[in-house]
Amino acid sequence: MHLVFAPVIKVSKKKSKHVEYTKNDFEKDLVQLIKRDFLKKYQELDERFDVDRGKLLKAAIEPLLDTLDLELNRGEIRRASEMPAIILYRKAQPNPKPVCFIYAEFHFKQALIMNAENASRVLKNLFPGALAVFVALDKEPEKIKESKLKSLDKLISGSNLEECWTQLYEFLASNVFGLQ
């Protein structure tokens, strides 16, 4: 008689992982909403505008660097161009022109807003007429004195994506895309 030992395999129930909503996801969702609700919905807007998450910004700034005679140093320009943002571009050749910078964050806090303010100041000097918006997915936003902000055109906060999108949609429709 031979004894055979089989390994005992414990089967445990896997707990479903709670997936956190990340800043990256928030930005992607906003880009998709802009594409769906504006660019795909209105053919003339799709022909004139493009949206991305900042990849084209360096390409738009680099040709300008040698021709600029601004009161900004290259370090400020570099920091501003590396600031994570969703950017709406007017399609143009050879380089697209940024018309709106959207800073999407999870927190409506003074420090983050001031970073966006500083980047907007620099970018608006490079691209006159561009707009800047700070959007935060925050249930308990800090009280911010808007009088301190000169470069951010709109501050938006909401406790969920839909709340933020409603406010951003209204701003983009009236100020960027000219829809009534």
Protein backbone atom coordinates (compact mmCIF):
# COMPACT_ATOMS: atom_id res chain seq x y z
CA MET A 1 0.00 0.00 0.00
CA HIS A 2 1.44 3.33 -1.09
CA LEU A 3 0.53 6.57 0.54
CA VAL A 4 0.27 9.57 -1.74
CA PHE A 5 0.37 13.01 -0.25
CA ALA A 6 -1.26 15.72 -2.25
CA PRO A 7 -0.51 19.32 -1.43
CA VAL A 8 -3.29 21.13 0.30
CA ILE A 9 -4.30 24.20 -1.65
CA LYS A 10 -6.19 26.78 0.27
CA VAL A 11 -8.77 28.55 -1.77
CA SER A 12 -9.41 31.98 -0.45
CA LYS A 13 -12.02 34.36 -1.65
CA LYS A 14 -10.36 37.29 -3.34
CA LYS A 15 -11.57 40.60 -2.15
CA SER A 16 -12.40 42.93 -4.95
CA LYS A 17 -9.90 45.72 -4.95
CA HIS A 18 -11.30 49.18 -4.42
CA VAL A 19 -10.07 51.08 -7.44
CA GLU A 20 -9.20 54.67 -6.68
CA TYR A 21 -10.17 57.38 -9.12
CA THR A 22 -6.87 58.99 -10.06
CA LYS A 23 -5.97 62.47 -11.31
CA ASN A 24 -4.93 60.85 -14.57
CA ASP A 25 -8.43 59.34 -14.93
CA PHE A 26 -10.02 62.69 -14.10
CA GLU A 27 -8.01 64.40 -16.85
CA LYS A 28 -8.81 61.63 -19.35
CA ASP A 29 -12.52 61.88 -18.54
CA LEU A 30 -12.50 65.65 -19.05
CA VAL A 31 -10.68 65.27 -22.39
CA GLN A 32 -13.22 62.67 -23.53
CA LEU A 33 -16.14 64.88 -22.46
CA ILE A 34 -14.71 67.86 -24.36
CA LYS A 35 -14.24 65.70 -27.45
CA ARG A 36 -17.71 64.16 -27.19
CA ASP A 37 -19.77 67.19 -26.18
CA PHE A 38 -18.05 69.79 -28.33
CA LEU A 39 -15.68 68.52 -30.99
CA LYS A 40 -17.60 65.46 -32.16
CA LYS A 41 -21.01 67.09 -31.71
CA TYR A 42 -20.24 70.21 -33.75
CA GLN A 43 -18.38 69.53 -37.01
CA GLU A 44 -17.16 73.13 -37.38
CA LEU A 45 -15.56 72.97 -33.89
CA ASP A 46 -13.90 69.67 -34.72
CA GLU A 47 -12.38 71.25 -37.82
CA ARG A 48 -11.05 74.29 -35.90
CA PHE A 49 -10.00 72.89 -32.48
CA ASP A 50 -8.04 70.05 -30.97
CA VAL A 51 -7.58 68.95 -27.35
CA ASP A 52 -4.86 67.01 -25.57
CA ARG A 53 -3.23 66.62 -22.19
CA GLY A 54 -0.25 68.91 -22.72
CA LYS A 55 1.84 66.90 -25.14
CA LEU A 56 1.72 69.57 -27.82
CA LEU A 57 2.54 72.47 -25.49
CA LYS A 58 6.31 72.03 -25.66
CA ALA A 59 6.06 71.75 -29.45
CA ALA A 60 4.09 75.01 -29.54
CA ILE A 61 6.54 76.83 -27.25
CA GLU A 62 9.89 75.66 -28.62
CA PRO A 63 9.67 77.60 -31.93
CA LEU A 64 8.83 80.76 -29.97
CA LEU A 65 11.76 80.62 -27.54
CA ASP A 66 14.36 82.10 -29.86
CA THR A 67 12.06 84.86 -31.10
CA LEU A 68 10.79 85.97 -27.69
CA ASP A 69 11.86 89.12 -25.96
CA LEU A 70 9.76 88.84 -22.82
CA GLU A 71 10.47 89.59 -19.20
CA LEU A 72 10.35 85.86 -18.49
CA ASN A 73 13.33 83.66 -18.00
CA ARG A 74 13.67 80.25 -19.60
CA GLY A 75 13.27 78.51 -16.23
CA GLU A 76 9.81 80.04 -15.74
CA ILE A 77 8.84 79.08 -19.28
CA ARG A 78 10.09 75.51 -18.79
CA ARG A 79 8.18 75.12 -15.48
CA ALA A 80 5.02 76.51 -17.05
CA SER A 81 5.26 74.23 -20.08
CA GLU A 82 5.72 71.19 -17.81
CA MET A 83 2.66 72.00 -15.67
CA PRO A 84 0.11 69.20 -16.21
CA ALA A 85 -2.88 70.61 -18.06
CA ILE A 86 -5.54 69.83 -20.60
CA ILE A 87 -5.03 72.20 -23.47
CA LEU A 88 -7.46 73.29 -26.17
CA TYR A 89 -5.69 74.26 -29.39
CA ARG A 90 -6.78 76.17 -32.44
CA LYS A 91 -5.59 74.08 -35.36
CA ALA A 92 -2.99 76.04 -37.31
CA GLN A 93 0.02 75.36 -39.48
CA PRO A 94 2.86 74.90 -38.76
CA ASN A 95 2.12 74.97 -35.01
CA PRO A 96 -1.22 74.75 -33.21
CA LYS A 97 -2.07 77.73 -30.99
CA PRO A 98 -3.24 77.09 -27.39
CA VAL A 99 -6.48 78.91 -26.57
CA CYS A 100 -7.40 77.43 -23.18
CA PHE A 101 -5.46 75.76 -20.36
CA ILE A 102 -7.44 73.55 -17.97
CA TYR A 103 -5.65 72.51 -14.78
CA ALA A 104 -7.45 69.44 -13.39
CA GLU A 105 -6.69 68.57 -9.77
CA PHE A 106 -8.15 66.54 -6.91
CA HIS A 107 -7.85 69.31 -4.36
CA PHE A 108 -9.09 72.88 -4.36
CA LYS A 109 -6.17 74.17 -2.29
CA GLN A 110 -4.32 77.48 -2.26
CA ALA A 111 -0.91 75.99 -3.16
CA LEU A 112 -2.22 74.11 -6.22
CA ILE A 113 -4.20 77.12 -7.39
CA MET A 114 -1.14 79.38 -7.05
CA ASN A 115 0.93 76.91 -9.12
CA ALA A 116 -1.74 77.09 -11.83
CA GLU A 117 -1.84 80.89 -11.48
CA ASN A 118 1.93 81.18 -12.00
CA ALA A 119 1.90 78.83 -15.00
CA SER A 120 -1.06 80.71 -16.49
CA ARG A 121 0.72 84.05 -16.13
CA VAL A 122 3.68 82.76 -18.13
CA LEU A 123 1.62 80.93 -20.74
CA LYS A 124 -0.71 83.88 -21.28
CA ASN A 125 2.33 86.06 -22.01
CA LEU A 126 3.36 83.54 -24.65
CA PHE A 127 -0.16 83.12 -26.04
CA PRO A 128 -2.11 86.38 -25.63
CA GLY A 129 -5.86 85.88 -25.49
CA ALA A 130 -5.64 82.35 -24.10
CA LEU A 131 -7.88 81.45 -21.16
CA ALA A 132 -7.02 79.46 -18.03
CA VAL A 133 -9.31 77.39 -15.80
CA PHE A 134 -8.63 75.51 -12.57
CA VAL A 135 -10.96 72.51 -12.01
CA ALA A 136 -10.86 70.49 -8.79
CA LEU A 137 -12.71 67.38 -7.75
CA ASP A 138 -12.94 68.29 -4.06
CA LYS A 139 -15.79 67.76 -1.59
CA GLU A 140 -14.42 70.34 0.83
CA PRO A 141 -12.81 73.15 -1.19
CA GLU A 142 -10.73 75.81 0.55
CA LYS A 143 -12.03 79.36 0.54
CA ILE A 144 -9.92 81.26 -1.97
CA LYS A 145 -9.86 85.01 -2.50
CA GLU A 146 -10.29 85.34 -6.23
CA SER A 147 -9.01 88.92 -6.06
CA LYS A 148 -5.45 87.50 -5.71
CA LEU A 149 -5.79 85.68 -9.02
CA LYS A 150 -5.11 87.64 -12.16
CA SER A 151 -4.26 84.92 -14.68
CA LEU A 152 -6.86 82.25 -13.90
CA ASP A 153 -10.13 83.12 -15.61
CA LYS A 154 -12.30 80.62 -13.75
CA LEU A 155 -12.12 78.49 -10.60
CA ILE A 156 -14.33 75.40 -10.61
CA SER A 157 -14.82 72.85 -7.86
CA GLY A 158 -17.29 70.06 -7.41
CA SER A 159 -17.75 66.93 -5.37
CA ASN A 160 -18.09 64.71 -8.47
CA LEU A 161 -17.23 64.68 -12.16
CA GLU A 162 -20.73 65.69 -13.27
CA GLU A 163 -20.74 68.78 -11.07
CA CYS A 164 -17.33 69.88 -12.35
CA TRP A 165 -18.25 69.12 -15.95
CA THR A 166 -21.46 71.17 -15.81
CA GLN A 167 -19.55 74.29 -14.75
CA LEU A 168 -16.68 73.66 -17.18
CA TYR A 169 -19.13 73.02 -20.03
CA GLU A 170 -20.83 76.37 -19.45
CA PHE A 171 -17.48 78.18 -19.36
CA LEU A 172 -16.16 76.50 -22.52
CA ALA A 173 -19.43 76.94 -24.42
CA SER A 174 -19.64 80.67 -23.79
CA ASN A 175 -15.97 81.73 -23.59
CA VAL A 176 -14.01 79.35 -25.81
CA PHE A 177 -16.35 77.91 -28.41
CA GLY A 178 -18.81 80.82 -28.63
CA LEU A 179 -21.95 78.69 -28.30
CA GLN A 180 -25.10 80.10 -26.73
